[in-house]
Amino acid sequence: MSGFRQGREQGVSPQMPIHYEKGARPGAEHVVLITIDRPQARNALDMYHFRDLARAWKDFRYDDDAWVAIVTGVGRNFMAGADLKTYIPQITELAKEISKGEVTEVDGCKLSDGTRAVLRDTKIYKPIIAAINGPCVAGGMEMLGGIDIRIATPHASFGVMEPKRGLFAGGGTTARLPRQIPFPAAMEFLLTAERFPAERALQMGLLNEIVPEEELLDRAFEWAARITANAPLAVQATKESVLRGLSTTLEEAYAIEQQLSQEVFQTEDAKEGPKAFAEKRAPEWKGR
């Protein structure tokens, strides 16, 4: 597996903790695998690593040949959010200046990298799958809010734990979680700041399924295959319609849906689909 970037001269941490690989498996040429690799900190990220992850999401967003992304962590760690020993002290030290807009960058890293890394305001309309192999807390939960399909191992755990440290989950969790799972379940997460086991998270509606540890990545790629079997532009337009529609009125959501529908029906893939059906063969999607 190759590192996403290399060398501090290119503006990243030399440990190369974010791996980015497209076509990691046969038949998955349109699938990107993003792996968070900082086990010494339980996959908690400092400013450099948040920047690397934000860049990985940007590369995925703008690569027309990348249709689906899978994100996971090494070992038995998924993502523990911001590093309490490095990132958080830097942010709290500059909190007043940041709130006034006087500081937007620290050590060559944009503060906006943190929110982009956890998929807040990124406008990525391509499907994303989480293969959750361990603790998914704090910033991990924030990133999960921007992910469509969530698969976990039995030993994975989940928590919005910022209030336990006197902090605030400002990466999207308080806005997205109550929109994604039942309100009482969301408030249980947000107000207790406790960690919940995978089985409880599944019951609360946070996950799609729980699978054995040794099957996690295989299952994630199976989900990716089910999605990439469909026309990519139609899939992306569907996700865009859902996300944009959730943030507006029902009337405006209908207008967004209509606009995207018209755009999809003008694509080459919209002609290929019915043609392939009539000819009793698998469609050959072009993404245009």
Protein backbone atom coordinates (compact mmCIF):
# COMPACT_ATOMS: atom_id res chain seq x y z
CA MET A 1 0.00 0.00 0.00
CA SER A 2 1.47 3.34 -0.97
CA GLY A 3 1.50 6.53 1.10
CA PHE A 4 -0.82 9.30 0.01
CA ARG A 5 1.92 11.91 -0.10
CA GLN A 6 5.60 11.82 0.71
CA GLY A 7 7.92 14.18 2.53
CA ARG A 8 7.43 17.32 4.60
CA GLU A 9 8.74 19.39 1.66
CA GLN A 10 5.43 18.57 -0.01
CA GLY A 11 3.56 19.82 3.03
CA VAL A 12 2.72 16.64 4.94
CA SER A 13 3.89 14.63 7.89
CA PRO A 14 6.81 12.32 6.96
CA GLN A 15 5.08 9.37 8.65
CA MET A 16 2.70 9.08 5.68
CA PRO A 17 -0.28 8.15 7.87
CA ILE A 18 -2.95 8.48 5.18
CA HIS A 19 -2.82 5.86 2.43
CA TYR A 20 -4.76 6.40 -0.79
CA GLU A 21 -5.12 3.57 -3.29
CA LYS A 22 -7.41 3.29 -6.29
CA GLY A 23 -8.14 -0.11 -7.80
CA ALA A 24 -6.75 -1.93 -4.78
CA ARG A 25 -8.52 -5.15 -5.82
CA PRO A 26 -9.32 -6.82 -9.13
CA GLY A 27 -12.63 -5.64 -10.49
CA ALA A 28 -12.61 -2.60 -8.21
CA GLU A 29 -10.89 -0.17 -10.55
CA HIS A 30 -13.33 2.60 -9.67
CA VAL A 31 -13.01 2.10 -5.90
CA VAL A 32 -10.64 4.12 -3.71
CA LEU A 33 -9.37 2.73 -0.40
CA ILE A 34 -8.34 5.37 2.14
CA THR A 35 -6.56 4.00 5.21
CA ILE A 36 -5.75 5.99 8.34
CA ASP A 37 -2.43 4.66 9.63
CA ARG A 38 -1.37 6.23 12.92
CA PRO A 39 -1.73 3.37 15.41
CA GLN A 40 0.73 4.90 17.89
CA ALA A 41 -1.94 7.53 18.58
CA ARG A 42 -4.94 5.21 18.04
CA ASN A 43 -5.49 7.00 14.74
CA ALA A 44 -5.94 10.38 16.41
CA LEU A 45 -4.79 13.10 14.02
CA ASP A 46 -2.73 16.25 14.42
CA MET A 47 -2.77 19.20 12.00
CA TYR A 48 -0.52 17.58 9.42
CA HIS A 49 -2.58 14.40 9.38
CA PHE A 50 -5.88 16.26 9.16
CA ARG A 51 -4.43 18.05 6.14
CA ASP A 52 -3.39 14.76 4.54
CA LEU A 53 -6.87 13.31 5.03
CA ALA A 54 -8.52 16.46 3.67
CA ARG A 55 -6.33 16.18 0.57
CA ALA A 56 -7.28 12.54 0.13
CA TRP A 57 -10.98 13.46 0.11
CA LYS A 58 -10.26 16.27 -2.35
CA ASP A 59 -8.46 13.88 -4.71
CA PHE A 60 -11.40 11.47 -4.51
CA ARG A 61 -13.93 14.20 -5.17
CA TYR A 62 -12.25 15.48 -8.31
CA ASP A 63 -11.20 12.15 -9.87
CA ASP A 64 -13.94 11.31 -12.38
CA ASP A 65 -12.68 7.72 -12.54
CA ALA A 66 -13.17 7.22 -8.77
CA TRP A 67 -16.79 6.30 -8.12
CA VAL A 68 -16.81 4.98 -4.55
CA ALA A 69 -14.49 5.38 -1.56
CA ILE A 70 -13.90 3.05 1.38
CA VAL A 71 -12.29 4.49 4.50
CA THR A 72 -10.81 2.37 7.29
CA GLY A 73 -8.01 2.32 9.84
CA VAL A 74 -5.06 0.03 10.51
CA GLY A 75 -5.11 -2.68 13.14
CA ARG A 76 -7.99 -2.30 15.57
CA ASN A 77 -8.31 1.47 15.28
CA PHE A 78 -10.67 3.43 13.04
CA MET A 79 -10.40 7.12 13.94
CA ALA A 80 -10.19 8.77 17.35
CA GLY A 81 -10.50 12.34 16.08
CA ALA A 82 -8.10 15.10 17.06
CA ASP A 83 -4.93 14.31 18.97
CA LEU A 84 -5.52 15.53 22.55
CA LYS A 85 -1.77 15.93 23.11
CA THR A 86 -1.01 18.09 20.06
CA TYR A 87 -3.93 19.36 17.98
CA ILE A 88 -6.35 20.29 20.77
CA PRO A 89 -3.79 22.32 22.81
CA GLN A 90 -2.90 24.26 19.66
CA ILE A 91 -6.55 25.06 18.97
CA THR A 92 -7.49 26.00 22.53
CA GLU A 93 -4.42 28.26 22.81
CA LEU A 94 -5.60 30.22 19.75
CA ALA A 95 -9.34 29.90 20.34
CA LYS A 96 -10.01 33.64 20.75
CA GLU A 97 -7.94 34.61 17.73
CA ILE A 98 -9.58 31.90 15.64
CA SER A 99 -13.08 33.05 16.63
CA LYS A 100 -12.19 36.58 15.50
CA GLY A 101 -10.85 35.33 12.19
CA GLU A 102 -7.36 36.54 13.04
CA VAL A 103 -5.82 33.06 12.64
CA THR A 104 -6.68 30.75 9.76
CA GLU A 105 -3.44 28.76 9.50
CA VAL A 106 -1.04 27.11 11.95
CA ASP A 107 2.33 25.60 11.02
CA GLY A 108 1.40 25.76 7.34
CA CYS A 109 -1.88 23.92 7.92
CA LYS A 110 -5.25 25.51 7.26
CA LEU A 111 -7.69 25.29 10.15
CA SER A 112 -10.36 24.40 7.61
CA ASP A 113 -8.49 21.14 6.91
CA GLY A 114 -9.91 19.72 10.13
CA THR A 115 -13.54 20.15 9.11
CA ARG A 116 -12.86 19.04 5.53
CA ALA A 117 -11.11 15.91 6.79
CA VAL A 118 -14.27 14.93 8.69
CA LEU A 119 -16.40 15.60 5.59
CA ARG A 120 -18.13 18.75 6.76
CA ASP A 121 -18.99 21.18 3.92
CA THR A 122 -17.06 19.10 1.38
CA LYS A 123 -19.94 18.53 -1.06
CA ILE A 124 -18.75 15.06 -2.00
CA TYR A 125 -21.71 13.48 -3.76
CA LYS A 126 -19.93 10.21 -4.50
CA PRO A 127 -20.78 7.28 -2.20
CA ILE A 128 -18.49 6.65 0.77
CA ILE A 129 -18.31 3.45 2.81
CA ALA A 130 -16.83 3.17 6.31
CA ALA A 131 -15.15 -0.08 7.32
CA ILE A 132 -15.02 0.54 11.05
CA ASN A 133 -12.45 -1.71 12.67
CA GLY A 134 -12.15 -0.10 16.11
CA PRO A 135 -12.97 3.00 18.16
CA CYS A 136 -14.90 5.62 16.19
CA VAL A 137 -15.12 8.54 18.58
CA ALA A 138 -14.97 12.34 18.56
CA GLY A 139 -13.73 13.32 15.08
CA GLY A 140 -14.31 9.75 13.93
CA MET A 141 -18.00 10.18 14.70
CA GLU A 142 -17.95 13.54 12.93
CA MET A 143 -16.51 11.95 9.79
CA LEU A 144 -19.02 9.12 10.07
CA GLY A 145 -21.79 11.71 9.72
CA GLY A 146 -20.56 12.37 6.17
CA ILE A 147 -20.42 8.67 5.24
CA ASP A 148 -23.24 6.80 3.53
CA ILE A 149 -22.71 3.10 4.32
CA ARG A 150 -21.34 2.07 7.74
CA ILE A 151 -20.02 -1.45 8.42
CA ALA A 152 -18.39 -2.33 11.73
CA THR A 153 -16.70 -5.20 13.51
CA PRO A 154 -18.12 -6.49 16.81
CA HIS A 155 -15.35 -4.79 18.82
CA ALA A 156 -15.89 -1.33 17.26
CA SER A 157 -17.17 1.39 19.56
CA PHE A 158 -18.74 4.80 19.08
CA GLY A 159 -18.98 8.00 21.07
CA VAL A 160 -19.34 11.78 20.90
CA MET A 161 -16.92 12.26 23.77
CA GLU A 162 -15.90 15.91 23.44
CA PRO A 163 -18.02 17.15 26.41
CA LYS A 164 -16.18 14.67 28.64
CA ARG A 165 -13.03 16.71 27.94
CA GLY A 166 -14.71 20.11 28.19
CA LEU A 167 -14.75 20.39 24.40
CA PHE A 168 -17.41 20.72 21.69
CA ALA A 169 -18.11 18.49 18.68
CA GLY A 170 -17.86 21.25 16.08
CA GLY A 171 -17.21 19.12 13.01
CA GLY A 172 -20.84 18.51 12.13
CA THR A 173 -21.98 15.98 14.71
CA THR A 174 -24.53 18.12 16.54
CA ALA A 175 -26.06 19.10 13.20
CA ARG A 176 -25.98 15.77 11.36
CA LEU A 177 -26.52 13.09 13.98
CA PRO A 178 -30.09 14.18 14.95
CA ARG A 179 -30.94 14.15 11.24
CA GLN A 180 -29.62 10.62 10.72
CA ILE A 181 -30.82 8.58 13.69
CA PRO A 182 -33.87 8.91 15.99
CA PHE A 183 -33.74 12.03 18.15
CA PRO A 184 -33.62 10.22 21.52
CA ALA A 185 -30.73 8.08 20.31
CA ALA A 186 -28.85 11.12 19.01
CA MET A 187 -29.30 12.96 22.30
CA GLU A 188 -28.10 9.90 24.22
CA PHE A 189 -24.89 10.06 22.22
CA LEU A 190 -24.51 13.84 22.49
CA LEU A 191 -25.41 14.45 26.13
CA THR A 192 -23.89 11.45 27.91
CA ALA A 193 -20.57 11.60 26.00
CA GLU A 194 -20.34 7.87 26.61
CA ARG A 195 -18.90 5.18 24.38
CA PHE A 196 -21.35 2.66 22.91
CA PRO A 197 -20.57 -0.85 21.60
CA ALA A 198 -21.23 -1.76 17.98
CA GLU A 199 -24.37 -3.76 18.76
CA ARG A 200 -25.95 -0.81 20.54
CA ALA A 201 -24.94 1.53 17.69
CA LEU A 202 -26.64 -0.83 15.24
CA GLN A 203 -29.81 -0.79 17.32
CA MET A 204 -29.74 3.01 17.37
CA GLY A 205 -29.63 3.12 13.58
CA LEU A 206 -26.05 4.37 13.24
CA LEU A 207 -24.78 1.32 11.31
CA ASN A 208 -25.82 -0.78 8.33
CA GLU A 209 -24.37 -4.02 9.66
CA ILE A 210 -21.82 -5.73 11.89
CA VAL A 211 -19.51 -8.35 10.37
CA PRO A 212 -16.65 -10.50 11.70
CA GLU A 213 -13.31 -8.72 11.82
CA GLU A 214 -11.73 -10.93 9.17
CA GLU A 215 -14.58 -10.17 6.75
CA LEU A 216 -14.70 -6.39 7.18
CA LEU A 217 -12.81 -5.20 4.10
CA ASP A 218 -14.24 -7.94 1.90
CA ARG A 219 -17.71 -6.85 2.91
CA ALA A 220 -16.88 -3.21 2.26
CA PHE A 221 -15.71 -4.05 -1.25
CA GLU A 222 -18.89 -6.08 -1.78
CA TRP A 223 -20.93 -2.99 -0.91
CA ALA A 224 -18.76 -0.96 -3.29
CA ALA A 225 -19.37 -3.51 -6.07
CA ARG A 226 -23.14 -3.27 -5.54
CA ILE A 227 -22.92 0.50 -5.92
CA THR A 228 -20.50 0.60 -8.87
CA ALA A 229 -22.79 -1.78 -10.75
CA ASN A 230 -25.01 1.28 -11.19
CA ALA A 231 -24.46 4.29 -13.42
CA PRO A 232 -22.05 6.60 -11.54
CA LEU A 233 -23.64 9.90 -12.54
CA ALA A 234 -27.09 8.65 -11.57
CA VAL A 235 -25.76 7.48 -8.21
CA GLN A 236 -23.99 10.77 -7.55
CA ALA A 237 -27.05 12.79 -8.54
CA THR A 238 -29.16 10.67 -6.19
CA LYS A 239 -26.86 11.37 -3.24
CA GLU A 240 -26.71 15.07 -4.15
CA SER A 241 -30.49 15.25 -4.26
CA VAL A 242 -30.75 13.64 -0.83
CA LEU A 243 -28.16 15.83 0.87
CA ARG A 244 -29.27 19.11 -0.67
CA GLY A 245 -32.92 18.23 -0.13
CA LEU A 246 -32.40 17.55 3.58
CA SER A 247 -31.12 21.08 4.12
CA THR A 248 -34.08 22.89 2.58
CA THR A 249 -37.86 22.90 2.31
CA LEU A 250 -39.76 20.05 0.69
CA GLU A 251 -40.80 22.33 -2.18
CA GLU A 252 -37.21 23.33 -2.88
CA ALA A 253 -36.12 19.69 -2.53
CA TYR A 254 -38.56 18.75 -5.29
CA ALA A 255 -37.04 21.47 -7.50
CA ILE A 256 -33.52 20.15 -6.86
CA GLU A 257 -34.69 16.63 -7.64
CA GLN A 258 -36.28 17.75 -10.90
CA GLN A 259 -33.17 19.63 -11.99
CA LEU A 260 -30.88 16.67 -11.30
CA SER A 261 -33.32 14.28 -12.98
CA GLN A 262 -33.21 16.33 -16.17
CA GLU A 263 -29.41 16.39 -16.11
CA VAL A 264 -29.13 12.61 -15.66
CA PHE A 265 -31.62 11.87 -18.47
CA GLN A 266 -29.34 13.77 -20.88
CA THR A 267 -26.29 11.60 -20.20
CA GLU A 268 -24.91 8.85 -22.41
CA ASP A 269 -25.38 6.40 -19.56
CA ALA A 270 -29.12 7.13 -19.56
CA LYS A 271 -29.20 5.79 -23.12
CA GLU A 272 -26.90 2.87 -22.36
CA GLY A 273 -29.00 1.53 -19.49
CA PRO A 274 -32.25 0.86 -21.42
CA LYS A 275 -30.22 -0.34 -24.44
CA ALA A 276 -28.35 -2.89 -22.35
CA PHE A 277 -31.62 -4.05 -20.79
CA ALA A 278 -33.18 -4.58 -24.24
CA GLU A 279 -30.10 -6.46 -25.43
CA LYS A 280 -30.02 -8.57 -22.25
CA ARG A 281 -26.44 -7.67 -21.33
CA ALA A 282 -24.63 -5.84 -18.57
CA PRO A 283 -24.42 -2.08 -19.16
CA GLU A 284 -21.07 -0.44 -19.89
CA TRP A 285 -21.10 2.80 -17.93
CA LYS A 286 -19.03 5.69 -19.24
CA GLY A 287 -19.75 8.23 -16.52
CA ARG A 288 -20.86 10.80 -19.03
